[in-house]
Amino acid sequence: MNTRKIQTVKIPNKKASTRLFSALCVITALQLGGCANLGVQPWERDLLAKDEMALNADAVDIGLDEHIYFSKEGTSGGRSFAGGGCGCN
């Protein structure tokens, strides 16, 4: 007598594949809808123009950071001086 086991192949459930496809469509629609920003509205500009919203709020900190960077790199960066890389000018 032949005692071999018969292997069964699972056929994907049609409901599960439909749910997966629907979920992927919803996720894709949400991602594409999230990119539909029309820009800044006129009534929002006053909030975005405040000093707190600036990326570089403090001019002194910016100047110090630029001085340290250009002193280390030895580049002028559009200025009339250049450091030698040792931190002195």
PDB file of N, CA and C in Angstrom:
ATOM      1  N   MET A   1       0.821  -1.174   0.000  1.00  0.00           N
ATOM      2  CA  MET A   1       0.000   0.000   0.000  1.00  0.00           C
ATOM      3  C   MET A   1       0.873   1.248   0.000  1.00  0.00           C
ATOM      4  N   ASN A   2       0.427   2.270  -0.639  1.00  0.00           N
ATOM      5  CA  ASN A   2       1.169   3.524  -0.732  1.00  0.00           C
ATOM      6  C   ASN A   2       0.770   4.413   0.444  1.00  0.00           C
ATOM      7  N   THR A   3       1.755   4.815   1.286  1.00  0.00           N
ATOM      8  CA  THR A   3       1.456   5.629   2.477  1.00  0.00           C
ATOM      9  C   THR A   3       2.022   7.039   2.359  1.00  0.00           C
ATOM     10  N   ARG A   4       2.053   7.552   1.178  1.00  0.00           N
ATOM     11  CA  ARG A   4       2.573   8.918   0.984  1.00  0.00           C
ATOM     12  C   ARG A   4       1.530   9.948   1.415  1.00  0.00           C
ATOM     13  N   LYS A   5       2.037  11.018   2.012  1.00  0.00           N
ATOM     14  CA  LYS A   5       1.136  12.103   2.416  1.00  0.00           C
ATOM     15  C   LYS A   5       0.864  12.985   1.206  1.00  0.00           C
ATOM     16  N   ILE A   6      -0.322  13.402   1.104  1.00  0.00           N
ATOM     17  CA  ILE A   6      -0.700  14.292   0.016  1.00  0.00           C
ATOM     18  C   ILE A   6      -0.547  15.725   0.513  1.00  0.00           C
ATOM     19  N   GLN A   7       0.206  16.498  -0.244  1.00  0.00           N
ATOM     20  CA  GLN A   7       0.398  17.905   0.118  1.00  0.00           C
ATOM     21  C   GLN A   7      -0.745  18.718  -0.463  1.00  0.00           C
ATOM     22  N   THR A   8      -1.270  19.572   0.349  1.00  0.00           N
ATOM     23  CA  THR A   8      -2.353  20.431  -0.120  1.00  0.00           C
ATOM     24  C   THR A   8      -1.805  21.821  -0.391  1.00  0.00           C
ATOM     25  N   VAL A   9      -2.307  22.418  -1.403  1.00  0.00           N
ATOM     26  CA  VAL A   9      -1.920  23.774  -1.769  1.00  0.00           C
ATOM     27  C   VAL A   9      -3.046  24.697  -1.341  1.00  0.00           C
ATOM     28  N   LYS A  10      -2.687  25.694  -0.548  1.00  0.00           N
ATOM     29  CA  LYS A  10      -3.704  26.636  -0.087  1.00  0.00           C
ATOM     30  C   LYS A  10      -3.992  27.646  -1.186  1.00  0.00           C
ATOM     31  N   ILE A  11      -5.228  27.774  -1.495  1.00  0.00           N
ATOM     32  CA  ILE A  11      -5.652  28.780  -2.456  1.00  0.00           C
ATOM     33  C   ILE A  11      -5.985  30.030  -1.656  1.00  0.00           C
ATOM     34  N   PRO A  12      -5.455  31.182  -2.062  1.00  0.00           N
ATOM     35  CA  PRO A  12      -5.713  32.406  -1.297  1.00  0.00           C
ATOM     36  C   PRO A  12      -7.209  32.707  -1.220  1.00  0.00           C
ATOM     37  N   ASN A  13      -7.588  33.166  -0.065  1.00  0.00           N
ATOM     38  CA  ASN A  13      -8.978  33.513   0.175  1.00  0.00           C
ATOM     39  C   ASN A  13      -9.316  34.769  -0.618  1.00  0.00           C
ATOM     40  N   LYS A  14     -10.391  34.718  -1.365  1.00  0.00           N
ATOM     41  CA  LYS A  14     -10.767  35.864  -2.193  1.00  0.00           C
ATOM     42  C   LYS A  14     -11.131  37.071  -1.334  1.00  0.00           C
ATOM     43  N   LYS A  15     -11.743  36.830  -0.179  1.00  0.00           N
ATOM     44  CA  LYS A  15     -12.093  37.936   0.710  1.00  0.00           C
ATOM     45  C   LYS A  15     -10.844  38.631   1.237  1.00  0.00           C
ATOM     46  N   ALA A  16      -9.847  37.833   1.606  1.00  0.00           N
ATOM     47  CA  ALA A  16      -8.617  38.406   2.153  1.00  0.00           C
ATOM     48  C   ALA A  16      -7.886  39.222   1.103  1.00  0.00           C
ATOM     49  N   SER A  17      -7.841  38.727  -0.135  1.00  0.00           N
ATOM     50  CA  SER A  17      -7.152  39.485  -1.179  1.00  0.00           C
ATOM     51  C   SER A  17      -7.917  40.757  -1.524  1.00  0.00           C
ATOM     52  N   THR A  18      -9.240  40.714  -1.454  1.00  0.00           N
ATOM     53  CA  THR A  18     -10.041  41.914  -1.704  1.00  0.00           C
ATOM     54  C   THR A  18      -9.814  42.943  -0.604  1.00  0.00           C
ATOM     55  N   ARG A  19      -9.731  42.487   0.639  1.00  0.00           N
ATOM     56  CA  ARG A  19      -9.466  43.406   1.757  1.00  0.00           C
ATOM     57  C   ARG A  19      -8.083  44.032   1.633  1.00  0.00           C
ATOM     58  N   LEU A  20      -7.111  43.215   1.267  1.00  0.00           N
ATOM     59  CA  LEU A  20      -5.753  43.730   1.112  1.00  0.00           C
ATOM     60  C   LEU A  20      -5.698  44.777   0.008  1.00  0.00           C
ATOM     61  N   PHE A  21      -6.345  44.489  -1.118  1.00  0.00           N
ATOM     62  CA  PHE A  21      -6.365  45.445  -2.219  1.00  0.00           C
ATOM     63  C   PHE A  21      -7.075  46.734  -1.808  1.00  0.00           C
ATOM     64  N   SER A  22      -8.182  46.608  -1.090  1.00  0.00           N
ATOM     65  CA  SER A  22      -8.916  47.796  -0.630  1.00  0.00           C
ATOM     66  C   SER A  22      -8.073  48.619   0.337  1.00  0.00           C
ATOM     67  N   ALA A  23      -7.369  47.937   1.243  1.00  0.00           N
ATOM     68  CA  ALA A  23      -6.517  48.652   2.196  1.00  0.00           C
ATOM     69  C   ALA A  23      -5.388  49.376   1.479  1.00  0.00           C
ATOM     70  N   LEU A  24      -4.789  48.737   0.486  1.00  0.00           N
ATOM     71  CA  LEU A  24      -3.722  49.393  -0.276  1.00  0.00           C
ATOM     72  C   LEU A  24      -4.250  50.600  -1.045  1.00  0.00           C
ATOM     73  N   CYS A  25      -5.460  50.494  -1.585  1.00  0.00           N
ATOM     74  CA  CYS A  25      -6.056  51.635  -2.293  1.00  0.00           C
ATOM     75  C   CYS A  25      -6.318  52.802  -1.343  1.00  0.00           C
ATOM     76  N   VAL A  26      -6.813  52.507  -0.152  1.00  0.00           N
ATOM     77  CA  VAL A  26      -7.080  53.563   0.831  1.00  0.00           C
ATOM     78  C   VAL A  26      -5.782  54.224   1.269  1.00  0.00           C
ATOM     79  N   ILE A  27      -4.752  53.437   1.542  1.00  0.00           N
ATOM     80  CA  ILE A  27      -3.461  53.990   1.965  1.00  0.00           C
ATOM     81  C   ILE A  27      -2.860  54.849   0.865  1.00  0.00           C
ATOM     82  N   THR A  28      -2.944  54.379  -0.375  1.00  0.00           N
ATOM     83  CA  THR A  28      -2.417  55.157  -1.499  1.00  0.00           C
ATOM     84  C   THR A  28      -3.181  56.467  -1.664  1.00  0.00           C
ATOM     85  N   ALA A  29      -4.500  56.411  -1.533  1.00  0.00           N
ATOM     86  CA  ALA A  29      -5.304  57.632  -1.656  1.00  0.00           C
ATOM     87  C   ALA A  29      -4.969  58.627  -0.554  1.00  0.00           C
ATOM     88  N   LEU A  30      -4.757  58.140   0.671  1.00  0.00           N
ATOM     89  CA  LEU A  30      -4.398  59.038   1.772  1.00  0.00           C
ATOM     90  C   LEU A  30      -3.026  59.662   1.554  1.00  0.00           C
ATOM     91  N   GLN A  31      -2.088  58.889   1.051  1.00  0.00           N
ATOM     92  CA  GLN A  31      -0.751  59.430   0.807  1.00  0.00           C
ATOM     93  C   GLN A  31      -0.775  60.469  -0.303  1.00  0.00           C
ATOM     94  N   LEU A  32      -1.507  60.200  -1.361  1.00  0.00           N
ATOM     95  CA  LEU A  32      -1.592  61.175  -2.449  1.00  0.00           C
ATOM     96  C   LEU A  32      -2.371  62.416  -2.025  1.00  0.00           C
ATOM     97  N   GLY A  33      -3.368  62.245  -1.192  1.00  0.00           N
ATOM     98  CA  GLY A  33      -4.138  63.382  -0.696  1.00  0.00           C
ATOM     99  C   GLY A  33      -3.339  64.247   0.259  1.00  0.00           C
ATOM    100  N   GLY A  34      -2.377  63.656   0.950  1.00  0.00           N
ATOM    101  CA  GLY A  34      -1.535  64.415   1.871  1.00  0.00           C
ATOM    102  C   GLY A  34      -0.575  65.348   1.162  1.00  0.00           C
ATOM    103  N   CYS A  35      -0.348  65.123  -0.119  1.00  0.00           N
ATOM    104  CA  CYS A  35       0.571  65.957  -0.895  1.00  0.00           C
ATOM    105  C   CYS A  35      -0.160  67.089  -1.600  1.00  0.00           C
ATOM    106  N   ALA A  36      -1.420  67.265  -1.326  1.00  0.00           N
ATOM    107  CA  ALA A  36      -2.220  68.239  -2.053  1.00  0.00           C
ATOM    108  C   ALA A  36      -2.277  69.584  -1.342  1.00  0.00           C
ATOM    109  N   ASN A  37      -1.182  70.023  -0.757  1.00  0.00           N
ATOM    110  CA  ASN A  37      -1.149  71.314  -0.085  1.00  0.00           C
ATOM    111  C   ASN A  37      -1.063  72.418  -1.132  1.00  0.00           C
ATOM    112  N   LEU A  38      -1.912  73.395  -1.002  1.00  0.00           N
ATOM    113  CA  LEU A  38      -1.952  74.473  -1.980  1.00  0.00           C
ATOM    114  C   LEU A  38      -1.083  75.656  -1.595  1.00  0.00           C
ATOM    115  N   GLY A  39      -0.322  75.540  -0.541  1.00  0.00           N
ATOM    116  CA  GLY A  39       0.544  76.630  -0.130  1.00  0.00           C
ATOM    117  C   GLY A  39      -0.045  77.409   1.029  1.00  0.00           C
ATOM    118  N   VAL A  40       0.600  78.505   1.337  1.00  0.00           N
ATOM    119  CA  VAL A  40       0.199  79.335   2.467  1.00  0.00           C
ATOM    120  C   VAL A  40      -0.942  80.247   2.040  1.00  0.00           C
ATOM    121  N   GLN A  41      -1.984  80.246   2.839  1.00  0.00           N
ATOM    122  CA  GLN A  41      -3.121  81.115   2.573  1.00  0.00           C
ATOM    123  C   GLN A  41      -2.818  82.519   3.100  1.00  0.00           C
ATOM    124  N   PRO A  42      -3.472  83.540   2.558  1.00  0.00           N
ATOM    125  CA  PRO A  42      -3.184  84.909   3.001  1.00  0.00           C
ATOM    126  C   PRO A  42      -3.393  85.136   4.495  1.00  0.00           C
ATOM    127  N   TRP A  43      -4.377  84.478   5.091  1.00  0.00           N
ATOM    128  CA  TRP A  43      -4.630  84.683   6.520  1.00  0.00           C
ATOM    129  C   TRP A  43      -3.652  83.912   7.403  1.00  0.00           C
ATOM    130  N   GLU A  44      -2.825  83.047   6.815  1.00  0.00           N
ATOM    131  CA  GLU A  44      -1.825  82.306   7.579  1.00  0.00           C
ATOM    132  C   GLU A  44      -0.458  82.981   7.570  1.00  0.00           C
ATOM    133  N   ARG A  45      -0.278  83.941   6.724  1.00  0.00           N
ATOM    134  CA  ARG A  45       1.041  84.559   6.562  1.00  0.00           C
ATOM    135  C   ARG A  45       1.474  85.366   7.771  1.00  0.00           C
ATOM    136  N   ASP A  46       0.540  85.960   8.486  1.00  0.00           N
ATOM    137  CA  ASP A  46       0.924  86.743   9.660  1.00  0.00           C
ATOM    138  C   ASP A  46       1.507  85.846  10.745  1.00  0.00           C
ATOM    139  N   LEU A  47       1.002  84.625  10.874  1.00  0.00           N
ATOM    140  CA  LEU A  47       1.544  83.700  11.872  1.00  0.00           C
ATOM    141  C   LEU A  47       2.929  83.198  11.472  1.00  0.00           C
ATOM    142  N   LEU A  48       3.123  82.968  10.185  1.00  0.00           N
ATOM    143  CA  LEU A  48       4.403  82.442   9.718  1.00  0.00           C
ATOM    144  C   LEU A  48       5.483  83.518   9.646  1.00  0.00           C
ATOM    145  N   ALA A  49       5.093  84.783   9.683  1.00  0.00           N
ATOM    146  CA  ALA A  49       6.064  85.867   9.606  1.00  0.00           C
ATOM    147  C   ALA A  49       6.600  86.276  10.971  1.00  0.00           C
ATOM    148  N   LYS A  50       6.140  85.646  12.035  1.00  0.00           N
ATOM    149  CA  LYS A  50       6.614  85.995  13.375  1.00  0.00           C
ATOM    150  C   LYS A  50       8.061  85.567  13.564  1.00  0.00           C
ATOM    151  N   ASP A  51       8.744  86.222  14.491  1.00  0.00           N
ATOM    152  CA  ASP A  51      10.147  85.915  14.765  1.00  0.00           C
ATOM    153  C   ASP A  51      10.337  84.494  15.278  1.00  0.00           C
ATOM    154  N   GLU A  52       9.354  83.971  15.995  1.00  0.00           N
ATOM    155  CA  GLU A  52       9.477  82.618  16.541  1.00  0.00           C
ATOM    156  C   GLU A  52       9.498  81.560  15.448  1.00  0.00           C
ATOM    157  N   MET A  53       8.983  81.883  14.278  1.00  0.00           N
ATOM    158  CA  MET A  53       8.902  80.912  13.195  1.00  0.00           C
ATOM    159  C   MET A  53      10.154  80.902  12.324  1.00  0.00           C
ATOM    160  N   ALA A  54      11.080  81.802  12.559  1.00  0.00           N
ATOM    161  CA  ALA A  54      12.298  81.847  11.752  1.00  0.00           C
ATOM    162  C   ALA A  54      13.189  80.655  12.073  1.00  0.00           C
ATOM    163  N   LEU A  55      13.840  80.114  11.052  1.00  0.00           N
ATOM    164  CA  LEU A  55      14.746  78.991  11.272  1.00  0.00           C
ATOM    165  C   LEU A  55      15.972  79.430  12.059  1.00  0.00           C
ATOM    166  N   ASN A  56      16.486  80.603  11.751  1.00  0.00           N
ATOM    167  CA  ASN A  56      17.638  81.166  12.453  1.00  0.00           C
ATOM    168  C   ASN A  56      17.176  82.428  13.157  1.00  0.00           C
ATOM    169  N   ALA A  57      16.740  82.281  14.389  1.00  0.00           N
ATOM    170  CA  ALA A  57      16.106  83.392  15.085  1.00  0.00           C
ATOM    171  C   ALA A  57      17.100  84.409  15.634  1.00  0.00           C
ATOM    172  N   ASP A  58      18.269  83.979  16.067  1.00  0.00           N
ATOM    173  CA  ASP A  58      19.194  84.874  16.741  1.00  0.00           C
ATOM    174  C   ASP A  58      20.389  85.178  15.838  1.00  0.00           C
ATOM    175  N   ALA A  59      20.564  86.447  15.493  1.00  0.00           N
ATOM    176  CA  ALA A  59      21.646  86.841  14.592  1.00  0.00           C
ATOM    177  C   ALA A  59      23.018  86.649  15.228  1.00  0.00           C
ATOM    178  N   VAL A  60      23.128  86.819  16.545  1.00  0.00           N
ATOM    179  CA  VAL A  60      24.414  86.642  17.229  1.00  0.00           C
ATOM    180  C   VAL A  60      24.853  85.180  17.153  1.00  0.00           C
ATOM    181  N   ASP A  61      23.926  84.265  17.377  1.00  0.00           N
ATOM    182  CA  ASP A  61      24.254  82.842  17.281  1.00  0.00           C
ATOM    183  C   ASP A  61      24.677  82.467  15.867  1.00  0.00           C
ATOM    184  N   ILE A  62      24.010  83.034  14.881  1.00  0.00           N
ATOM    185  CA  ILE A  62      24.369  82.754  13.492  1.00  0.00           C
ATOM    186  C   ILE A  62      25.780  83.245  13.207  1.00  0.00           C
ATOM    187  N   GLY A  63      26.092  84.456  13.672  1.00  0.00           N
ATOM    188  CA  GLY A  63      27.428  85.009  13.457  1.00  0.00           C
ATOM    189  C   GLY A  63      28.515  84.185  14.125  1.00  0.00           C
ATOM    190  N   LEU A  64      28.261  83.739  15.349  1.00  0.00           N
ATOM    191  CA  LEU A  64      29.243  82.903  16.045  1.00  0.00           C
ATOM    192  C   LEU A  64      29.429  81.560  15.351  1.00  0.00           C
ATOM    193  N   ASP A  65      28.338  80.951  14.928  1.00  0.00           N
ATOM    194  CA  ASP A  65      28.438  79.669  14.231  1.00  0.00           C
ATOM    195  C   ASP A  65      29.215  79.808  12.925  1.00  0.00           C
ATOM    196  N   GLU A  66      28.941  80.887  12.170  1.00  0.00           N
ATOM    197  CA  GLU A  66      29.677  81.111  10.924  1.00  0.00           C
ATOM    198  C   GLU A  66      31.155  81.355  11.194  1.00  0.00           C
ATOM    199  N   HIS A  67      31.461  82.113  12.238  1.00  0.00           N
ATOM    200  CA  HIS A  67      32.859  82.398  12.564  1.00  0.00           C
ATOM    201  C   HIS A  67      33.603  81.109  12.914  1.00  0.00           C
ATOM    202  N   ILE A  68      32.988  80.277  13.721  1.00  0.00           N
ATOM    203  CA  ILE A  68      33.627  79.013  14.097  1.00  0.00           C
ATOM    204  C   ILE A  68      33.798  78.122  12.879  1.00  0.00           C
ATOM    205  N   TYR A  69      32.780  78.039  12.041  1.00  0.00           N
ATOM    206  CA  TYR A  69      32.859  77.178  10.860  1.00  0.00           C
ATOM    207  C   TYR A  69      33.955  77.644   9.911  1.00  0.00           C
ATOM    208  N   PHE A  70      33.963  78.938   9.591  1.00  0.00           N
ATOM    209  CA  PHE A  70      34.944  79.442   8.636  1.00  0.00           C
ATOM    210  C   PHE A  70      36.352  79.426   9.217  1.00  0.00           C
ATOM    211  N   SER A  71      36.473  79.546  10.535  1.00  0.00           N
ATOM    212  CA  SER A  71      37.796  79.448  11.151  1.00  0.00           C
ATOM    213  C   SER A  71      38.329  78.024  11.059  1.00  0.00           C
ATOM    214  N   LYS A  72      37.477  77.067  11.256  1.00  0.00           N
ATOM    215  CA  LYS A  72      37.904  75.669  11.173  1.00  0.00           C
ATOM    216  C   LYS A  72      38.199  75.251   9.744  1.00  0.00           C
ATOM    217  N   GLU A  73      37.397  75.700   8.811  1.00  0.00           N
ATOM    218  CA  GLU A  73      37.546  75.277   7.426  1.00  0.00           C
ATOM    219  C   GLU A  73      38.615  76.069   6.685  1.00  0.00           C
ATOM    220  N   GLY A  74      38.904  77.257   7.129  1.00  0.00           N
ATOM    221  CA  GLY A  74      39.889  78.084   6.440  1.00  0.00           C
ATOM    222  C   GLY A  74      39.358  78.663   5.146  1.00  0.00           C
ATOM    223  N   THR A  75      38.068  78.870   5.066  1.00  0.00           N
ATOM    224  CA  THR A  75      37.460  79.429   3.865  1.00  0.00           C
ATOM    225  C   THR A  75      36.915  80.810   4.182  1.00  0.00           C
ATOM    226  N   SER A  76      36.757  81.596   3.140  1.00  0.00           N
ATOM    227  CA  SER A  76      36.283  82.959   3.367  1.00  0.00           C
ATOM    228  C   SER A  76      34.764  83.027   3.383  1.00  0.00           C
ATOM    229  N   GLY A  77      34.093  82.236   2.569  1.00  0.00           N
ATOM    230  CA  GLY A  77      32.636  82.249   2.562  1.00  0.00           C
ATOM    231  C   GLY A  77      32.047  83.558   2.095  1.00  0.00           C
ATOM    232  N   GLY A  78      32.715  84.257   1.193  1.00  0.00           N
ATOM    233  CA  GLY A  78      32.213  85.518   0.691  1.00  0.00           C
ATOM    234  C   GLY A  78      32.619  86.701   1.532  1.00  0.00           C
ATOM    235  N   ARG A  79      33.462  86.499   2.508  1.00  0.00           N
ATOM    236  CA  ARG A  79      33.927  87.599   3.350  1.00  0.00           C
ATOM    237  C   ARG A  79      35.341  87.977   2.937  1.00  0.00           C
ATOM    238  N   SER A  80      35.854  89.017   3.558  1.00  0.00           N
ATOM    239  CA  SER A  80      37.167  89.514   3.147  1.00  0.00           C
ATOM    240  C   SER A  80      38.312  88.867   3.908  1.00  0.00           C
ATOM    241  N   PHE A  81      38.045  87.894   4.751  1.00  0.00           N
ATOM    242  CA  PHE A  81      39.114  87.251   5.508  1.00  0.00           C
ATOM    243  C   PHE A  81      38.950  85.740   5.436  1.00  0.00           C
ATOM    244  N   ALA A  82      40.023  85.064   5.748  1.00  0.00           N
ATOM    245  CA  ALA A  82      39.982  83.604   5.799  1.00  0.00           C
ATOM    246  C   ALA A  82      40.886  83.141   6.917  1.00  0.00           C
ATOM    247  N   GLY A  83      40.412  82.175   7.662  1.00  0.00           N
ATOM    248  CA  GLY A  83      41.228  81.626   8.735  1.00  0.00           C
ATOM    249  C   GLY A  83      42.212  80.611   8.187  1.00  0.00           C
ATOM    250  N   GLY A  84      43.209  80.311   8.980  1.00  0.00           N
ATOM    251  CA  GLY A  84      44.209  79.352   8.542  1.00  0.00           C
ATOM    252  C   GLY A  84      43.908  77.943   8.986  1.00  0.00           C
ATOM    253  N   GLY A  85      42.764  77.687   9.572  1.00  0.00           N
ATOM    254  CA  GLY A  85      42.424  76.365  10.043  1.00  0.00           C
ATOM    255  C   GLY A  85      42.776  76.163  11.501  1.00  0.00           C
ATOM    256  N   CYS A  86      43.575  77.075  12.070  1.00  0.00           N
ATOM    257  CA  CYS A  86      43.967  76.924  13.464  1.00  0.00           C
ATOM    258  C   CYS A  86      43.041  77.701  14.392  1.00  0.00           C
ATOM    259  N   GLY A  87      42.107  78.462  13.837  1.00  0.00           N
ATOM    260  CA  GLY A  87      41.192  79.245  14.648  1.00  0.00           C
ATOM    261  C   GLY A  87      41.596  80.701  14.749  1.00  0.00           C
ATOM    262  N   CYS A  88      42.748  81.067  14.208  1.00  0.00           N
ATOM    263  CA  CYS A  88      43.178  82.467  14.252  1.00  0.00           C
ATOM    264  C   CYS A  88      43.004  83.092  12.871  1.00  0.00           C
ATOM    265  N   ASN A  89      42.818  84.395  12.847  1.00  0.00           N
ATOM    266  CA  ASN A  89      42.643  85.093  11.574  1.00  0.00           C
ATOM    267  C   ASN A  89      43.801  86.026  11.336  1.00  0.00           C
TER     268      ASN A  89
END
